[in-house]
N, C-alpha and C. Protein backbone atom coordinates (compact mmCIF):
# COMPACT_ATOMS: atom_id res chain seq x y z
N MET A 1 -7.74 -11.92 21.32
CA MET A 1 -8.09 -11.60 19.96
C MET A 1 -6.84 -11.07 19.26
N GLY A 2 -6.64 -11.47 18.01
CA GLY A 2 -5.46 -11.09 17.27
C GLY A 2 -5.53 -9.69 16.69
N GLU A 3 -4.49 -9.33 16.02
CA GLU A 3 -4.42 -8.03 15.37
C GLU A 3 -5.30 -8.02 14.13
N PRO A 4 -5.86 -6.85 13.79
CA PRO A 4 -6.63 -6.80 12.54
C PRO A 4 -5.69 -6.93 11.34
N ILE A 5 -6.22 -7.47 10.28
CA ILE A 5 -5.45 -7.59 9.04
C ILE A 5 -5.76 -6.38 8.19
N MET A 6 -4.73 -5.68 7.77
CA MET A 6 -4.89 -4.50 6.93
C MET A 6 -4.80 -4.92 5.47
N VAL A 7 -5.61 -4.31 4.66
CA VAL A 7 -5.58 -4.55 3.23
C VAL A 7 -5.09 -3.28 2.57
N TYR A 8 -4.08 -3.41 1.75
CA TYR A 8 -3.49 -2.25 1.09
C TYR A 8 -3.81 -2.27 -0.39
N ARG A 9 -3.96 -1.09 -0.92
CA ARG A 9 -4.13 -0.95 -2.36
C ARG A 9 -3.08 0.03 -2.83
N GLY A 10 -2.49 -0.28 -3.94
CA GLY A 10 -1.47 0.60 -4.48
C GLY A 10 -1.39 0.45 -5.98
N ILE A 11 -0.61 1.27 -6.56
CA ILE A 11 -0.38 1.24 -8.00
C ILE A 11 1.06 0.84 -8.22
N ALA A 12 1.27 -0.11 -9.12
CA ALA A 12 2.63 -0.56 -9.42
C ALA A 12 2.94 -0.29 -10.88
N GLY A 13 4.17 0.03 -11.12
CA GLY A 13 4.62 0.25 -12.49
C GLY A 13 5.70 -0.75 -12.84
N PRO A 14 6.20 -0.68 -14.05
CA PRO A 14 7.24 -1.62 -14.48
C PRO A 14 8.56 -1.35 -13.74
N PRO A 15 9.41 -2.36 -13.67
CA PRO A 15 10.73 -2.14 -13.06
C PRO A 15 11.48 -1.03 -13.79
N HIS A 16 12.26 -0.30 -13.06
CA HIS A 16 13.12 0.77 -13.62
C HIS A 16 12.31 1.87 -14.31
N MET A 17 11.12 2.12 -13.82
CA MET A 17 10.28 3.18 -14.36
C MET A 17 11.00 4.52 -14.14
N PRO A 18 11.06 5.37 -15.14
CA PRO A 18 11.78 6.64 -14.99
C PRO A 18 11.18 7.51 -13.89
N ASP A 19 12.05 8.23 -13.18
CA ASP A 19 11.60 9.09 -12.08
C ASP A 19 10.55 10.10 -12.53
N TYR A 20 10.73 10.66 -13.74
CA TYR A 20 9.77 11.67 -14.20
C TYR A 20 8.37 11.07 -14.33
N ALA A 21 8.28 9.80 -14.73
CA ALA A 21 6.98 9.14 -14.88
C ALA A 21 6.36 8.86 -13.51
N VAL A 22 7.18 8.42 -12.56
CA VAL A 22 6.70 8.17 -11.20
C VAL A 22 6.16 9.47 -10.61
N LYS A 23 6.91 10.56 -10.76
CA LYS A 23 6.48 11.85 -10.20
C LYS A 23 5.20 12.35 -10.86
N LYS A 24 5.11 12.20 -12.17
CA LYS A 24 3.91 12.66 -12.89
C LYS A 24 2.68 11.88 -12.42
N LEU A 25 2.82 10.58 -12.29
CA LEU A 25 1.71 9.76 -11.81
C LEU A 25 1.35 10.10 -10.36
N ALA A 26 2.35 10.33 -9.53
CA ALA A 26 2.08 10.68 -8.12
C ALA A 26 1.28 11.97 -8.03
N VAL A 27 1.64 12.96 -8.83
CA VAL A 27 0.90 14.22 -8.84
C VAL A 27 -0.54 13.99 -9.29
N ALA A 28 -0.71 13.18 -10.33
CA ALA A 28 -2.06 12.90 -10.84
C ALA A 28 -2.90 12.17 -9.79
N PHE A 29 -2.31 11.20 -9.10
CA PHE A 29 -3.06 10.46 -8.08
C PHE A 29 -3.39 11.36 -6.89
N GLU A 30 -2.45 12.19 -6.48
CA GLU A 30 -2.72 13.10 -5.37
C GLU A 30 -3.88 14.03 -5.72
N LYS A 31 -3.93 14.50 -6.95
CA LYS A 31 -5.02 15.37 -7.39
C LYS A 31 -6.35 14.60 -7.35
N ALA A 32 -6.35 13.38 -7.85
CA ALA A 32 -7.57 12.57 -7.85
C ALA A 32 -8.03 12.27 -6.42
N LEU A 33 -7.10 11.97 -5.54
CA LEU A 33 -7.43 11.63 -4.16
C LEU A 33 -7.99 12.82 -3.40
N ASP A 34 -7.68 14.01 -3.88
CA ASP A 34 -8.18 15.23 -3.23
C ASP A 34 -9.54 15.66 -3.78
N SER A 35 -10.06 14.93 -4.74
CA SER A 35 -11.33 15.30 -5.36
C SER A 35 -12.51 14.97 -4.44
N ASP A 36 -13.57 15.74 -4.59
CA ASP A 36 -14.78 15.48 -3.81
C ASP A 36 -15.35 14.10 -4.10
N GLN A 37 -15.25 13.67 -5.35
CA GLN A 37 -15.78 12.36 -5.74
C GLN A 37 -15.06 11.24 -4.98
N PHE A 38 -13.74 11.32 -4.89
CA PHE A 38 -12.99 10.28 -4.17
C PHE A 38 -13.30 10.34 -2.68
N LYS A 39 -13.35 11.55 -2.12
CA LYS A 39 -13.65 11.69 -0.69
C LYS A 39 -15.01 11.09 -0.36
N LYS A 40 -15.99 11.28 -1.24
CA LYS A 40 -17.32 10.69 -1.03
C LYS A 40 -17.24 9.17 -1.10
N PHE A 41 -16.47 8.65 -2.04
CA PHE A 41 -16.27 7.20 -2.16
C PHE A 41 -15.72 6.62 -0.86
N VAL A 42 -14.70 7.27 -0.30
CA VAL A 42 -14.09 6.80 0.95
C VAL A 42 -15.12 6.85 2.08
N ASP A 43 -15.84 7.96 2.17
CA ASP A 43 -16.86 8.07 3.22
C ASP A 43 -17.94 7.01 3.09
N ASP A 44 -18.42 6.80 1.87
CA ASP A 44 -19.49 5.83 1.62
C ASP A 44 -19.05 4.40 1.89
N SER A 45 -17.78 4.10 1.66
CA SER A 45 -17.28 2.74 1.83
C SER A 45 -16.78 2.46 3.24
N MET A 46 -16.73 3.49 4.07
CA MET A 46 -16.25 3.38 5.46
C MET A 46 -14.82 2.86 5.53
N MET A 47 -14.02 3.17 4.54
CA MET A 47 -12.61 2.78 4.54
C MET A 47 -11.81 3.81 5.33
N GLN A 48 -10.68 3.37 5.84
CA GLN A 48 -9.71 4.31 6.35
C GLN A 48 -8.75 4.56 5.22
N PHE A 49 -8.46 5.80 4.96
CA PHE A 49 -7.62 6.14 3.83
C PHE A 49 -6.32 6.76 4.30
N ALA A 50 -5.24 6.36 3.65
CA ALA A 50 -3.93 6.96 3.92
C ALA A 50 -3.15 6.99 2.62
N TRP A 51 -2.42 8.04 2.41
CA TRP A 51 -1.58 8.19 1.22
C TRP A 51 -0.13 8.12 1.66
N MET A 52 0.66 7.35 0.94
CA MET A 52 2.11 7.28 1.20
C MET A 52 2.83 7.54 -0.10
N PRO A 53 3.85 8.38 -0.05
CA PRO A 53 4.67 8.57 -1.24
C PRO A 53 5.34 7.25 -1.64
N THR A 54 5.77 7.16 -2.87
CA THR A 54 6.30 5.93 -3.45
C THR A 54 7.34 5.25 -2.57
N ASP A 55 8.39 5.97 -2.18
CA ASP A 55 9.47 5.35 -1.39
C ASP A 55 8.97 4.87 -0.03
N GLU A 56 8.13 5.66 0.60
CA GLU A 56 7.59 5.29 1.90
C GLU A 56 6.70 4.05 1.80
N TYR A 57 5.88 3.99 0.76
CA TYR A 57 5.00 2.84 0.56
C TYR A 57 5.81 1.57 0.30
N LYS A 58 6.86 1.68 -0.48
CA LYS A 58 7.72 0.53 -0.76
C LYS A 58 8.34 -0.01 0.53
N LYS A 59 8.87 0.89 1.38
CA LYS A 59 9.47 0.47 2.64
C LYS A 59 8.42 -0.16 3.56
N HIS A 60 7.23 0.43 3.56
CA HIS A 60 6.14 -0.10 4.38
C HIS A 60 5.79 -1.53 3.96
N LEU A 61 5.66 -1.76 2.67
CA LEU A 61 5.33 -3.11 2.18
C LEU A 61 6.45 -4.10 2.47
N GLU A 62 7.70 -3.66 2.40
CA GLU A 62 8.82 -4.54 2.72
C GLU A 62 8.78 -4.95 4.19
N ARG A 63 8.45 -4.00 5.09
CA ARG A 63 8.31 -4.33 6.51
C ARG A 63 7.17 -5.32 6.73
N GLU A 64 6.05 -5.06 6.08
CA GLU A 64 4.89 -5.95 6.19
C GLU A 64 5.23 -7.36 5.72
N GLU A 65 5.96 -7.45 4.61
CA GLU A 65 6.35 -8.76 4.09
C GLU A 65 7.16 -9.53 5.13
N GLY A 66 8.12 -8.84 5.75
CA GLY A 66 8.94 -9.49 6.77
C GLY A 66 8.12 -9.96 7.96
N GLU A 67 7.17 -9.12 8.39
CA GLU A 67 6.32 -9.50 9.51
C GLU A 67 5.44 -10.70 9.16
N TRP A 68 4.89 -10.72 7.96
CA TRP A 68 4.05 -11.84 7.55
C TRP A 68 4.85 -13.13 7.44
N LYS A 69 6.07 -13.03 6.95
CA LYS A 69 6.91 -14.23 6.87
C LYS A 69 7.11 -14.82 8.25
N GLU A 70 7.37 -13.96 9.24
CA GLU A 70 7.56 -14.44 10.61
C GLU A 70 6.29 -15.07 11.16
N ARG A 71 5.15 -14.45 10.93
CA ARG A 71 3.88 -15.02 11.39
C ARG A 71 3.62 -16.39 10.77
N LEU A 72 3.87 -16.49 9.47
CA LEU A 72 3.62 -17.76 8.77
C LEU A 72 4.58 -18.85 9.23
N LYS A 73 5.82 -18.48 9.56
CA LYS A 73 6.77 -19.46 10.10
C LYS A 73 6.29 -19.97 11.46
N GLU A 74 5.80 -19.03 12.29
CA GLU A 74 5.29 -19.42 13.61
C GLU A 74 4.12 -20.39 13.49
N LEU A 75 3.31 -20.22 12.47
CA LEU A 75 2.16 -21.08 12.25
C LEU A 75 2.51 -22.32 11.44
N ILE A 76 3.77 -22.47 11.12
CA ILE A 76 4.29 -23.57 10.31
C ILE A 76 3.59 -23.62 8.95
N LEU A 77 3.33 -22.45 8.40
CA LEU A 77 2.72 -22.36 7.07
C LEU A 77 3.74 -21.90 6.02
N LEU A 78 4.95 -21.64 6.46
CA LEU A 78 6.01 -21.22 5.55
C LEU A 78 7.24 -22.05 5.87
N LYS A 79 7.86 -22.61 4.86
CA LYS A 79 9.05 -23.41 5.07
C LYS A 79 10.18 -22.54 5.57
N LYS A 80 10.90 -23.05 6.56
CA LYS A 80 12.08 -22.36 7.06
C LYS A 80 13.24 -22.72 6.16
N LYS A 81 14.06 -21.75 5.82
CA LYS A 81 15.21 -22.01 4.94
C LYS A 81 16.43 -22.34 5.75
């Protein structure tokens, strides 16, 4: 049996978004994620929840992209350059 496929959700902003805006949004999201309403939503949906700061999430997605490219090449679903 293969590995499970993870589904990620994130928030993206425009390129070159100012640091102050990224930080302000991160604080707002962290506050929302700590709310009882959100915690109930996660419990009710049986999701696994994890929070990653902006830089960490970007690096994580870049690693995932590389791994998926390799998988797709192995399955001959992605053209080799």
